[in-house]
C-alpha atoms as a PDB file:
ATOM      1  CA  UNK A   1      13.303  -8.580  -3.010  1.00  0.00           C
ATOM      2  CA  UNK A   2      10.672 -10.972  -2.481  1.00  0.00           C
ATOM      3  CA  UNK A   3       7.332 -10.363  -0.162  1.00  0.00           C
ATOM      4  CA  UNK A   4       9.050 -12.955   2.264  1.00  0.00           C
ATOM      5  CA  UNK A   5      12.070 -10.796   2.270  1.00  0.00           C
ATOM      6  CA  UNK A   6      10.530  -7.938   2.448  1.00  0.00           C
ATOM      7  CA  UNK A   7       8.417  -9.032   5.818  1.00  0.00           C
ATOM      8  CA  UNK A   8      11.235 -10.286   7.626  1.00  0.00           C
ATOM      9  CA  UNK A   9      13.416  -7.440   7.089  1.00  0.00           C
ATOM     10  CA  UNK A  10      11.648  -4.667   8.546  1.00  0.00           C
ATOM     11  CA  UNK A  11      10.250  -7.287  11.441  1.00  0.00           C
ATOM     12  CA  UNK A  12      13.664  -8.199  12.263  1.00  0.00           C
ATOM     13  CA  UNK A  13      15.560  -4.703  12.152  1.00  0.00           C
ATOM     14  CA  UNK A  14      15.999  -2.606  15.468  1.00  0.00           C
ATOM     15  CA  UNK A  15      15.683   1.186  13.719  1.00  0.00           C
ATOM     16  CA  UNK A  16      14.857   2.272  10.037  1.00  0.00           C
ATOM     17  CA  UNK A  17      15.162   5.522   8.847  1.00  0.00           C
ATOM     18  CA  UNK A  18      11.806   7.528   7.891  1.00  0.00           C
ATOM     19  CA  UNK A  19      12.125   6.244   4.049  1.00  0.00           C
ATOM     20  CA  UNK A  20      12.974   3.112   5.172  1.00  0.00           C
ATOM     21  CA  UNK A  21      10.328   2.309   7.141  1.00  0.00           C
ATOM     22  CA  UNK A  22       7.608   3.931   4.833  1.00  0.00           C
ATOM     23  CA  UNK A  23       9.651   1.605   2.049  1.00  0.00           C
ATOM     24  CA  UNK A  24       9.243  -1.623   3.978  1.00  0.00           C
ATOM     25  CA  UNK A  25       5.642  -0.837   4.725  1.00  0.00           C
ATOM     26  CA  UNK A  26       5.048  -0.161   1.067  1.00  0.00           C
ATOM     27  CA  UNK A  27       6.507  -3.374  -0.037  1.00  0.00           C
ATOM     28  CA  UNK A  28       4.309  -4.937   2.416  1.00  0.00           C
ATOM     29  CA  UNK A  29       1.440  -2.890   1.191  1.00  0.00           C
ATOM     30  CA  UNK A  30       1.961  -3.842  -2.770  1.00  0.00           C
ATOM     31  CA  UNK A  31       2.143  -7.888  -1.251  1.00  0.00           C
ATOM     32  CA  UNK A  32      -0.972  -7.762   0.358  1.00  0.00           C
ATOM     33  CA  UNK A  33      -2.413  -6.483  -2.805  1.00  0.00           C
ATOM     34  CA  UNK A  34      -1.163  -9.107  -4.818  1.00  0.00           C
ATOM     35  CA  UNK A  35      -2.853 -11.407  -2.809  1.00  0.00           C
ATOM     36  CA  UNK A  36      -6.257  -9.637  -2.305  1.00  0.00           C
ATOM     37  CA  UNK A  37      -6.139  -9.766  -6.135  1.00  0.00           C
ATOM     38  CA  UNK A  38      -6.125 -13.526  -6.092  1.00  0.00           C
ATOM     39  CA  UNK A  39      -7.669 -14.782  -3.086  1.00  0.00           C
ATOM     40  CA  UNK A  40      -9.291 -11.732  -0.768  1.00  0.00           C
ATOM     41  CA  UNK A  41     -10.177 -13.651   2.322  1.00  0.00           C
ATOM     42  CA  UNK A  42      -9.655 -13.378   6.039  1.00  0.00           C
ATOM     43  CA  UNK A  43      -5.842 -14.001   6.042  1.00  0.00           C
ATOM     44  CA  UNK A  44      -5.293 -11.132   3.500  1.00  0.00           C
ATOM     45  CA  UNK A  45      -7.306  -8.510   5.223  1.00  0.00           C
ATOM     46  CA  UNK A  46      -5.513  -9.304   8.917  1.00  0.00           C
ATOM     47  CA  UNK A  47      -2.568  -8.052   6.753  1.00  0.00           C
ATOM     48  CA  UNK A  48      -4.430  -4.871   6.499  1.00  0.00           C
ATOM     49  CA  UNK A  49      -5.164  -4.900  10.147  1.00  0.00           C
ATOM     50  CA  UNK A  50      -1.517  -5.477  10.854  1.00  0.00           C
ATOM     51  CA  UNK A  51      -0.257  -2.319   8.618  1.00  0.00           C
ATOM     52  CA  UNK A  52      -2.871   0.063  10.478  1.00  0.00           C
ATOM     53  CA  UNK A  53      -1.482  -1.285  13.531  1.00  0.00           C
ATOM     54  CA  UNK A  54       2.085  -0.157  12.612  1.00  0.00           C
ATOM     55  CA  UNK A  55       1.012   2.744  10.750  1.00  0.00           C
ATOM     56  CA  UNK A  56      -1.190   4.022  13.844  1.00  0.00           C
ATOM     57  CA  UNK A  57       1.899   3.183  16.446  1.00  0.00           C
ATOM     58  CA  UNK A  58       4.837   4.952  14.164  1.00  0.00           C
ATOM     59  CA  UNK A  59       2.291   7.882  13.748  1.00  0.00           C
ATOM     60  CA  UNK A  60       2.317   8.701  17.809  1.00  0.00           C
ATOM     61  CA  UNK A  61       5.996   9.875  17.747  1.00  0.00           C
ATOM     62  CA  UNK A  62       7.119  10.215  14.349  1.00  0.00           C
ATOM     63  CA  UNK A  63       4.028  11.702  12.546  1.00  0.00           C
ATOM     64  CA  UNK A  64       6.092  14.396  10.726  1.00  0.00           C
ATOM     65  CA  UNK A  65       9.034  12.273   9.460  1.00  0.00           C
ATOM     66  CA  UNK A  66       6.461   9.650   7.779  1.00  0.00           C
ATOM     67  CA  UNK A  67       4.610  12.355   6.179  1.00  0.00           C
ATOM     68  CA  UNK A  68       7.560  14.075   4.929  1.00  0.00           C
ATOM     69  CA  UNK A  69       9.425  10.510   3.650  1.00  0.00           C
ATOM     70  CA  UNK A  70       5.407   9.955   1.774  1.00  0.00           C
ATOM     71  CA  UNK A  71       5.930  13.601   0.591  1.00  0.00           C
ATOM     72  CA  UNK A  72       9.449  13.130  -0.788  1.00  0.00           C
ATOM     73  CA  UNK A  73       8.254   9.718  -2.677  1.00  0.00           C
ATOM     74  CA  UNK A  74       7.022  11.143  -5.556  1.00  0.00           C
ATOM     75  CA  UNK A  75       8.520   8.581  -7.977  1.00  0.00           C
ATOM     76  CA  UNK A  76       5.434   7.151 -10.760  1.00  0.00           C
ATOM     77  CA  UNK A  77       7.331   3.317 -10.310  1.00  0.00           C
ATOM     78  CA  UNK A  78       6.184   3.351  -6.224  1.00  0.00           C
ATOM     79  CA  UNK A  79       2.265   2.321  -6.945  1.00  0.00           C
ATOM     80  CA  UNK A  80      -0.135   2.587  -4.365  1.00  0.00           C
ATOM     81  CA  UNK A  81       2.018   5.390  -2.130  1.00  0.00           C
ATOM     82  CA  UNK A  82      -1.019   7.303  -1.913  1.00  0.00           C
ATOM     83  CA  UNK A  83      -2.969   4.471  -0.156  1.00  0.00           C
ATOM     84  CA  UNK A  84      -0.243   4.344   2.552  1.00  0.00           C
ATOM     85  CA  UNK A  85      -0.346   8.311   2.719  1.00  0.00           C
ATOM     86  CA  UNK A  86      -4.040   8.064   3.078  1.00  0.00           C
ATOM     87  CA  UNK A  87      -3.986   6.029   5.810  1.00  0.00           C
ATOM     88  CA  UNK A  88      -1.373   8.104   7.713  1.00  0.00           C
ATOM     89  CA  UNK A  89      -3.780  11.130   7.319  1.00  0.00           C
ATOM     90  CA  UNK A  90      -6.544   9.325   8.451  1.00  0.00           C
ATOM     91  CA  UNK A  91      -5.162   8.324  11.560  1.00  0.00           C
ATOM     92  CA  UNK A  92      -4.038  11.865  12.157  1.00  0.00           C
ATOM     93  CA  UNK A  93      -7.295  13.716  10.899  1.00  0.00           C
ATOM     94  CA  UNK A  94      -9.104  10.998  13.261  1.00  0.00           C
ATOM     95  CA  UNK A  95      -7.068  11.887  16.077  1.00  0.00           C
ATOM     96  CA  UNK A  96      -8.076  15.421  15.799  1.00  0.00           C
ATOM     97  CA  UNK A  97     -11.832  14.647  15.480  1.00  0.00           C
ATOM     98  CA  UNK A  98     -11.588  12.656  18.498  1.00  0.00           C
ATOM     99  CA  UNK A  99     -11.842   9.198  17.470  1.00  0.00           C
ATOM    100  CA  UNK A 100     -11.220   6.339  19.336  1.00  0.00           C
ATOM    101  CA  UNK A 101      -7.693   4.325  18.716  1.00  0.00           C
ATOM    102  CA  UNK A 102      -9.876   1.395  17.584  1.00  0.00           C
ATOM    103  CA  UNK A 103     -11.926   3.382  15.619  1.00  0.00           C
ATOM    104  CA  UNK A 104      -9.081   5.017  14.029  1.00  0.00           C
ATOM    105  CA  UNK A 105      -7.694   1.755  13.147  1.00  0.00           C
ATOM    106  CA  UNK A 106     -10.499   0.701  11.086  1.00  0.00           C
ATOM    107  CA  UNK A 107     -10.620   3.796   9.301  1.00  0.00           C
ATOM    108  CA  UNK A 108      -6.961   3.203   8.095  1.00  0.00           C
ATOM    109  CA  UNK A 109      -7.864  -0.295   7.300  1.00  0.00           C
ATOM    110  CA  UNK A 110     -10.561   1.575   5.507  1.00  0.00           C
ATOM    111  CA  UNK A 111      -7.852   3.510   3.358  1.00  0.00           C
ATOM    112  CA  UNK A 112      -5.923   0.702   2.751  1.00  0.00           C
ATOM    113  CA  UNK A 113      -8.996  -1.207   0.665  1.00  0.00           C
ATOM    114  CA  UNK A 114     -10.744   1.781  -0.656  1.00  0.00           C
ATOM    115  CA  UNK A 115      -9.874   0.965  -3.719  1.00  0.00           C
ATOM    116  CA  UNK A 116      -9.904  -3.176  -3.363  1.00  0.00           C
ATOM    117  CA  UNK A 117     -12.443  -3.248  -6.596  1.00  0.00           C
ATOM    118  CA  UNK A 118      -9.552  -1.281  -8.419  1.00  0.00           C
ATOM    119  CA  UNK A 119      -6.430  -3.308  -7.875  1.00  0.00           C
ATOM    120  CA  UNK A 120      -6.605  -4.883 -11.103  1.00  0.00           C
ATOM    121  CA  UNK A 121      -7.429  -1.899 -13.363  1.00  0.00           C
ATOM    122  CA  UNK A 122      -4.908   0.139 -11.145  1.00  0.00           C
ATOM    123  CA  UNK A 123      -2.499  -2.683 -11.929  1.00  0.00           C
ATOM    124  CA  UNK A 124      -2.818  -3.214 -15.456  1.00  0.00           C
ATOM    125  CA  UNK A 125      -3.895   0.495 -16.879  1.00  0.00           C
ATOM    126  CA  UNK A 126      -4.060   3.779 -14.734  1.00  0.00           C
ATOM    127  CA  UNK A 127      -1.030   4.374 -13.381  1.00  0.00           C
ATOM    128  CA  UNK A 128       0.604   4.008 -17.017  1.00  0.00           C
ATOM    129  CA  UNK A 129      -2.562   5.315 -18.903  1.00  0.00           C
ATOM    130  CA  UNK A 130      -1.952   8.928 -20.320  1.00  0.00           C
ATOM    131  CA  UNK A 131      -4.692   9.186 -22.499  1.00  0.00           C
ATOM    132  CA  UNK A 132      -8.126  10.159 -20.818  1.00  0.00           C
ATOM    133  CA  UNK A 133     -10.421   7.558 -18.776  1.00  0.00           C
ATOM    134  CA  UNK A 134     -12.570   5.623 -21.195  1.00  0.00           C
ATOM    135  CA  UNK A 135     -16.408   5.546 -20.972  1.00  0.00           C
ATOM    136  CA  UNK A 136     -16.416   2.111 -19.327  1.00  0.00           C
ATOM    137  CA  UNK A 137     -13.197   2.635 -17.318  1.00  0.00           C
ATOM    138  CA  UNK A 138     -15.463   5.707 -15.881  1.00  0.00           C
ATOM    139  CA  UNK A 139     -18.233   3.223 -15.116  1.00  0.00           C
ATOM    140  CA  UNK A 140     -16.157   1.119 -13.444  1.00  0.00           C
ATOM    141  CA  UNK A 141     -14.327   3.536 -11.420  1.00  0.00           C
ATOM    142  CA  UNK A 142     -18.392   5.071 -10.308  1.00  0.00           C
ATOM    143  CA  UNK A 143     -19.427   1.164  -9.004  1.00  0.00           C
ATOM    144  CA  UNK A 144     -16.018   0.564  -7.350  1.00  0.00           C
ATOM    145  CA  UNK A 145     -17.117   1.889  -3.892  1.00  0.00           C
ATOM    146  CA  UNK A 146     -20.076  -0.363  -3.827  1.00  0.00           C
ATOM    147  CA  UNK A 147     -18.113  -3.488  -5.567  1.00  0.00           C
ATOM    148  CA  UNK A 148     -15.327  -3.019  -2.727  1.00  0.00           C
ATOM    149  CA  UNK A 149     -17.580  -3.140   0.184  1.00  0.00           C
ATOM    150  CA  UNK A 150     -19.303  -6.189  -1.444  1.00  0.00           C
ATOM    151  CA  UNK A 151     -15.501  -7.954  -1.487  1.00  0.00           C
ATOM    152  CA  UNK A 152     -14.632  -6.843   1.996  1.00  0.00           C
ATOM    153  CA  UNK A 153     -18.191  -8.183   3.033  1.00  0.00           C
ATOM    154  CA  UNK A 154     -17.172 -11.790   1.644  1.00  0.00           C
ATOM    155  CA  UNK A 155     -13.430 -11.441   2.991  1.00  0.00           C
ATOM    156  CA  UNK A 156     -15.117 -11.576   6.219  1.00  0.00           C
ATOM    157  CA  UNK A 157     -15.264  -7.616   7.319  1.00  0.00           C
ATOM    158  CA  UNK A 158     -17.816  -7.029   9.843  1.00  0.00           C
ATOM    159  CA  UNK A 159     -17.059  -3.577  11.280  1.00  0.00           C
ATOM    160  CA  UNK A 160     -19.509  -0.874   9.679  1.00  0.00           C
ATOM    161  CA  UNK A 161     -17.166   2.038  10.424  1.00  0.00           C
ATOM    162  CA  UNK A 162     -14.748   0.098   7.720  1.00  0.00           C
ATOM    163  CA  UNK A 163     -17.432  -0.717   5.096  1.00  0.00           C
ATOM    164  CA  UNK A 164     -19.284   2.539   5.454  1.00  0.00           C
ATOM    165  CA  UNK A 165     -16.051   4.157   4.707  1.00  0.00           C
ATOM    166  CA  UNK A 166     -15.109   2.372   1.826  1.00  0.00           C
ATOM    167  CA  UNK A 167     -18.449   2.375   0.157  1.00  0.00           C
ATOM    168  CA  UNK A 168     -19.195   6.333   1.216  1.00  0.00           C
ATOM    169  CA  UNK A 169     -15.654   7.641   0.370  1.00  0.00           C
ATOM    170  CA  UNK A 170     -16.707   9.213  -2.987  1.00  0.00           C
ATOM    171  CA  UNK A 171     -19.962  11.016  -1.610  1.00  0.00           C
ATOM    172  CA  UNK A 172     -20.097  14.962  -1.074  1.00  0.00           C
ATOM    173  CA  UNK A 173     -21.715  16.931   1.168  1.00  0.00           C
ATOM    174  CA  UNK A 174     -23.909  18.434  -1.818  1.00  0.00           C
ATOM    175  CA  UNK A 175     -24.718  15.239  -3.066  1.00  0.00           C
ATOM    176  CA  UNK A 176     -22.555  15.639  -5.814  1.00  0.00           C
ATOM    177  CA  UNK A 177     -20.749  12.334  -5.229  1.00  0.00           C
ATOM    178  CA  UNK A 178     -21.151   8.637  -5.997  1.00  0.00           C
ATOM    179  CA  UNK A 179     -22.313   6.288  -5.696  1.00  0.00           C
ATOM    180  CA  UNK A 180     -25.070   6.736  -3.732  1.00  0.00           C
ATOM    181  CA  UNK A 181     -25.580  10.694  -3.923  1.00  0.00           C
ATOM    182  CA  UNK A 182     -25.803  10.677  -0.244  1.00  0.00           C
ATOM    183  CA  UNK A 183     -25.790  14.329   1.522  1.00  0.00           C
ATOM    184  CA  UNK A 184     -24.229  15.915   4.593  1.00  0.00           C
ATOM    185  CA  UNK A 185     -25.545  13.798   7.728  1.00  0.00           C
ATOM    186  CA  UNK A 186     -26.314  10.621   5.805  1.00  0.00           C
ATOM    187  CA  UNK A 187     -22.104  10.433   5.176  1.00  0.00           C
ATOM    188  CA  UNK A 188     -20.571   8.611   8.111  1.00  0.00           C
ATOM    189  CA  UNK A 189     -18.043  10.817  10.078  1.00  0.00           C
ATOM    190  CA  UNK A 190     -15.280   7.797   8.562  1.00  0.00           C
ATOM    191  CA  UNK A 191     -16.035   8.494   4.837  1.00  0.00           C
ATOM    192  CA  UNK A 192     -15.638  12.304   5.481  1.00  0.00           C
ATOM    193  CA  UNK A 193     -12.388  11.813   6.908  1.00  0.00           C
ATOM    194  CA  UNK A 194     -11.522   9.130   4.250  1.00  0.00           C
ATOM    195  CA  UNK A 195     -12.470  11.586   1.456  1.00  0.00           C
ATOM    196  CA  UNK A 196     -10.462  14.530   2.392  1.00  0.00           C
ATOM    197  CA  UNK A 197      -7.066  12.048   2.954  1.00  0.00           C
ATOM    198  CA  UNK A 198      -7.702  10.467  -0.614  1.00  0.00           C
ATOM    199  CA  UNK A 199      -8.275  13.826  -2.233  1.00  0.00           C
ATOM    200  CA  UNK A 200      -5.060  15.352  -0.970  1.00  0.00           C
ATOM    201  CA  UNK A 201      -3.078  12.001  -1.185  1.00  0.00           C
ATOM    202  CA  UNK A 202      -4.290  11.576  -4.721  1.00  0.00           C
ATOM    203  CA  UNK A 203      -3.153  15.056  -5.750  1.00  0.00           C
ATOM    204  CA  UNK A 204       0.506  14.911  -4.721  1.00  0.00           C
ATOM    205  CA  UNK A 205       1.256  11.507  -6.250  1.00  0.00           C
ATOM    206  CA  UNK A 206       1.386  10.744  -9.628  1.00  0.00           C
ATOM    207  CA  UNK A 207      -0.653   9.035 -12.336  1.00  0.00           C
ATOM    208  CA  UNK A 208      -0.935   8.060 -15.709  1.00  0.00           C
ATOM    209  CA  UNK A 209      -3.728  10.503 -16.441  1.00  0.00           C
ATOM    210  CA  UNK A 210      -3.273  13.447 -14.719  1.00  0.00           C
ATOM    211  CA  UNK A 211      -0.147  14.938 -13.426  1.00  0.00           C
ATOM    212  CA  UNK A 212       1.301  15.883 -10.381  1.00  0.00           C
ATOM    213  CA  UNK A 213       0.162  18.589  -8.100  1.00  0.00           C
ATOM    214  CA  UNK A 214       2.505  20.367  -5.482  1.00  0.00           C
ATOM    215  CA  UNK A 215       1.325  20.298  -1.779  1.00  0.00           C
ATOM    216  CA  UNK A 216       0.571  24.023  -1.551  1.00  0.00           C
ATOM    217  CA  UNK A 217      -1.572  23.458  -4.692  1.00  0.00           C
ATOM    218  CA  UNK A 218      -3.673  20.437  -3.405  1.00  0.00           C
ATOM    219  CA  UNK A 219      -4.361  22.078   0.048  1.00  0.00           C
ATOM    220  CA  UNK A 220      -5.275  25.241  -1.778  1.00  0.00           C
ATOM    221  CA  UNK A 221      -8.314  22.814  -3.668  1.00  0.00           C
ATOM    222  CA  UNK A 222      -9.199  21.109  -0.204  1.00  0.00           C
ATOM    223  CA  UNK A 223      -9.883  24.448   1.361  1.00  0.00           C
ATOM    224  CA  UNK A 224     -11.809  25.567  -1.744  1.00  0.00           C
ATOM    225  CA  UNK A 225     -14.269  22.422  -1.395  1.00  0.00           C
ATOM    226  CA  UNK A 226     -14.733  22.982   2.167  1.00  0.00           C
ATOM    227  CA  UNK A 227     -18.620  23.410   3.432  1.00  0.00           C
ATOM    228  CA  UNK A 228     -19.709  22.535   0.178  1.00  0.00           C
ATOM    229  CA  UNK A 229     -18.198  19.123  -0.707  1.00  0.00           C
ATOM    230  CA  UNK A 230     -15.933  18.859   2.403  1.00  0.00           C
ATOM    231  CA  UNK A 231     -16.611  19.008   5.887  1.00  0.00           C
ATOM    232  CA  UNK A 232     -15.447  22.484   7.191  1.00  0.00           C
ATOM    233  CA  UNK A 233     -14.077  21.025  10.583  1.00  0.00           C
ATOM    234  CA  UNK A 234     -12.135  18.513   9.088  1.00  0.00           C
ATOM    235  CA  UNK A 235     -10.421  20.454   6.093  1.00  0.00           C
ATOM    236  CA  UNK A 236      -9.419  23.075   9.098  1.00  0.00           C
ATOM    237  CA  UNK A 237      -7.686  20.227  10.515  1.00  0.00           C
ATOM    238  CA  UNK A 238      -5.933  18.819   7.575  1.00  0.00           C
ATOM    239  CA  UNK A 239      -4.168  22.231   7.520  1.00  0.00           C
ATOM    240  CA  UNK A 240      -3.482  22.295  11.090  1.00  0.00           C
ATOM    241  CA  UNK A 241      -1.562  18.948  10.678  1.00  0.00           C
ATOM    242  CA  UNK A 242      -0.172  19.928   7.188  1.00  0.00           C
ATOM    243  CA  UNK A 243       0.450  23.758   7.438  1.00  0.00           C
ATOM    244  CA  UNK A 244       1.076  26.155   4.641  1.00  0.00           C
ATOM    245  CA  UNK A 245       4.082  23.948   3.652  1.00  0.00           C
ATOM    246  CA  UNK A 246       3.841  20.563   4.452  1.00  0.00           C
ATOM    247  CA  UNK A 247       6.483  18.199   6.036  1.00  0.00           C
ATOM    248  CA  UNK A 248       8.734  16.850   2.877  1.00  0.00           C
ATOM    249  CA  UNK A 249       8.417  20.167   0.797  1.00  0.00           C
ATOM    250  CA  UNK A 250      11.374  21.666  -0.892  1.00  0.00           C
ATOM    251  CA  UNK A 251      11.092  25.570  -0.172  1.00  0.00           C
ATOM    252  CA  UNK A 252      13.605  28.566  -0.703  1.00  0.00           C
ATOM    253  CA  UNK A 253      13.878  30.923   2.292  1.00  0.00           C
ATOM    254  CA  UNK A 254      14.311  34.841   1.741  1.00  0.00           C
ATOM    255  CA  UNK A 255      18.090  34.742   2.165  1.00  0.00           C
ATOM    256  CA  UNK A 256      18.421  31.921  -0.486  1.00  0.00           C
ATOM    257  CA  UNK A 257      18.872  28.953   1.021  1.00  0.00           C
ATOM    258  CA  UNK A 258      16.921  25.871  -0.350  1.00  0.00           C
ATOM    259  CA  UNK A 259      15.587  23.553   2.289  1.00  0.00           C
ATOM    260  CA  UNK A 260      13.142  20.842   3.450  1.00  0.00           C
ATOM    261  CA  UNK A 261      10.036  21.273   5.549  1.00  0.00           C
ATOM    262  CA  UNK A 262      11.241  19.110   8.472  1.00  0.00           C
ATOM    263  CA  UNK A 263       7.888  20.024  10.629  1.00  0.00           C
ATOM    264  CA  UNK A 264       5.228  22.117  10.311  1.00  0.00           C
ATOM    265  CA  UNK A 265       5.725  24.065  13.225  1.00  0.00           C
ATOM    266  CA  UNK A 266       3.318  25.468  15.945  1.00  0.00           C
ATOM    267  CA  UNK A 267       2.195  28.628  13.597  1.00  0.00           C
ATOM    268  CA  UNK A 268       0.703  27.348  10.354  1.00  0.00           C
ATOM    269  CA  UNK A 269       2.809  29.730   7.911  1.00  0.00           C
ATOM    270  CA  UNK A 270       5.961  29.271  10.101  1.00  0.00           C
ATOM    271  CA  UNK A 271       6.843  25.911   9.444  1.00  0.00           C
ATOM    272  CA  UNK A 272      10.267  24.448  10.559  1.00  0.00           C
ATOM    273  CA  UNK A 273      12.986  24.142   7.955  1.00  0.00           C
ATOM    274  CA  UNK A 274      15.957  22.039   7.547  1.00  0.00           C
ATOM    275  CA  UNK A 275      18.452  23.900   5.034  1.00  0.00           C
ATOM    276  CA  UNK A 276      20.288  21.674   2.764  1.00  0.00           C
ATOM    277  CA  UNK A 277      21.914  24.250   0.238  1.00  0.00           C
ATOM    278  CA  UNK A 278      23.114  27.863   0.954  1.00  0.00           C
ATOM    279  CA  UNK A 279      22.556  30.556  -1.198  1.00  0.00           C
ATOM    280  CA  UNK A 280      25.170  29.932  -3.370  1.00  0.00           C
ATOM    281  CA  UNK A 281      23.628  25.982  -4.111  1.00  0.00           C
ATOM    282  CA  UNK A 282      26.556  24.627  -2.262  1.00  0.00           C
ATOM    283  CA  UNK A 283      25.853  21.687  -0.489  1.00  0.00           C
ATOM    284  CA  UNK A 284      26.068  21.455   3.345  1.00  0.00           C
ATOM    285  CA  UNK A 285      27.841  18.631   5.708  1.00  0.00           C
ATOM    286  CA  UNK A 286      24.675  18.440   7.307  1.00  0.00           C
ATOM    287  CA  UNK A 287      21.022  20.254   7.540  1.00  0.00           C
ATOM    288  CA  UNK A 288      20.953  23.251   9.448  1.00  0.00           C
ATOM    289  CA  UNK A 289      17.760  24.185  11.013  1.00  0.00           C
ATOM    290  CA  UNK A 290      16.070  27.683  10.707  1.00  0.00           C
ATOM    291  CA  UNK A 291      13.439  29.532  12.198  1.00  0.00           C
ATOM    292  CA  UNK A 292      11.229  30.519   9.780  1.00  0.00           C
ATOM    293  CA  UNK A 293       9.409  33.353  11.687  1.00  0.00           C
ATOM    294  CA  UNK A 294      12.903  35.461  11.465  1.00  0.00           C
ATOM    295  CA  UNK A 295      11.943  37.635   8.573  1.00  0.00           C
ATOM    296  CA  UNK A 296      15.663  36.990   6.419  1.00  0.00           C
ATOM    297  CA  UNK A 297      14.631  33.136   7.046  1.00  0.00           C
ATOM    298  CA  UNK A 298      11.054  33.275   5.962  1.00  0.00           C
ATOM    299  CA  UNK A 299       9.614  31.034   3.392  1.00  0.00           C
ATOM    300  CA  UNK A 300       9.355  32.567  -0.166  1.00  0.00           C
ATOM    301  CA  UNK A 301       7.643  29.510  -1.698  1.00  0.00           C
ATOM    302  CA  UNK A 302       8.096  25.994  -2.854  1.00  0.00           C
ATOM    303  CA  UNK A 303      10.451  24.876  -5.214  1.00  0.00           C
ATOM    304  CA  UNK A 304      11.195  21.518  -7.080  1.00  0.00           C
ATOM    305  CA  UNK A 305      13.734  18.992  -5.406  1.00  0.00           C
ATOM    306  CA  UNK A 306      17.021  19.435  -6.526  1.00  0.00           C
ATOM    307  CA  UNK A 307      19.362  16.669  -8.041  1.00  0.00           C
ATOM    308  CA  UNK A 308      22.073  16.130  -5.515  1.00  0.00           C
ATOM    309  CA  UNK A 309      24.237  13.072  -5.015  1.00  0.00           C
ATOM    310  CA  UNK A 310      24.096  11.889  -1.204  1.00  0.00           C
ATOM    311  CA  UNK A 311      21.133  13.677  -0.646  1.00  0.00           C
ATOM    312  CA  UNK A 312      19.413  10.910   0.764  1.00  0.00           C
ATOM    313  CA  UNK A 313      21.830  10.167   3.416  1.00  0.00           C
ATOM    314  CA  UNK A 314      21.532  14.014   4.260  1.00  0.00           C
ATOM    315  CA  UNK A 315      17.774  14.136   4.442  1.00  0.00           C
ATOM    316  CA  UNK A 316      17.618  10.824   6.468  1.00  0.00           C
ATOM    317  CA  UNK A 317      19.563  12.048   9.323  1.00  0.00           C
ATOM    318  CA  UNK A 318      16.450  15.102   9.554  1.00  0.00           C
ATOM    319  CA  UNK A 319      14.244  13.028  11.165  1.00  0.00           C
ATOM    320  CA  UNK A 320      14.697  10.217  14.051  1.00  0.00           C
ATOM    321  CA  UNK A 321      14.887   6.591  13.031  1.00  0.00           C
ATOM    322  CA  UNK A 322      11.862   4.790  13.966  1.00  0.00           C
ATOM    323  CA  UNK A 323      11.840   1.320  16.317  1.00  0.00           C
ATOM    324  CA  UNK A 324      10.366  -1.807  14.972  1.00  0.00           C
ATOM    325  CA  UNK A 325       7.154  -2.598  16.456  1.00  0.00           C
ATOM    326  CA  UNK A 326       7.774  -6.099  17.442  1.00  0.00           C
ATOM    327  CA  UNK A 327       4.451  -6.945  19.106  1.00  0.00           C
ATOM    328  CA  UNK A 328       2.743  -7.290  15.748  1.00  0.00           C
ATOM    329  CA  UNK A 329       5.902  -8.393  13.810  1.00  0.00           C
ATOM    330  CA  UNK A 330       4.825 -10.789  10.931  1.00  0.00           C
ATOM    331  CA  UNK A 331       7.568 -13.538   9.966  1.00  0.00           C
ATOM    332  CA  UNK A 332       7.566 -15.012   6.228  1.00  0.00           C
ATOM    333  CA  UNK A 333       4.093 -15.576   4.169  1.00  0.00           C
END
């Protein structure tokens, strides 16, 4: 499908499943990156703003479904899903940090363009490279945040929040980050939020030179970096948003049933689970909601996604469809 077709498809459709919504935005983002690699100018930057509006509007009512769709989309061929996931997390983390809607919009844009200086390298190498990074690649990566800021400035971006978040998203509270070794108060709030969103999203997405991590492992790693490298309050907010078992995680219950977390729930240890397989491994006609606070329905652990026919249709029915936002619709190129 061409970029033009992709844009028209998700601008004209009234309602989409959360999976189709994510796929359409992903197609649009890939098209945007293709353009940015050729001509990084104001027109292409406006596409980032458009997508940021779409993310922000959808997160108001469909937070759990979008997080689940992003989590369940774990195929390596879907390049740049990480940036989309980071954008969603920036909106949710920024809201908890009481950032204004306009500030969060710029922060989403920063997440979408955080690696703008590495688009060529990612497209040609990183996502398929199975060997460790070379010295020249590492050197280039350590400069990409500064280079990215320069590219955005040349493209017409003037917002300090956006530019600082891109330049500082690899800085760490203890000064161990790059490119400038900034410490605590010298790092902008936007950069602190983006750092956490990027770290989590990167760990749960596959890349050629590193294996994929489970959401449980990724949350634990982020938690262990709190205080020393990452902001304590923002890390707590991430756990509040995702829970111990994030939306989209496959889990096994004490009664032997298998299901997918449909929402994090009111209490962090007790997510809402939609059971898909009974305790004998048989596919249920439709997903059944379980209260994981009940002992026999408590979550034992995360499991790998089962291979099942018609699984997509069952999963799509778990979350409400998302109506298209016609206000910021885009037609063609």
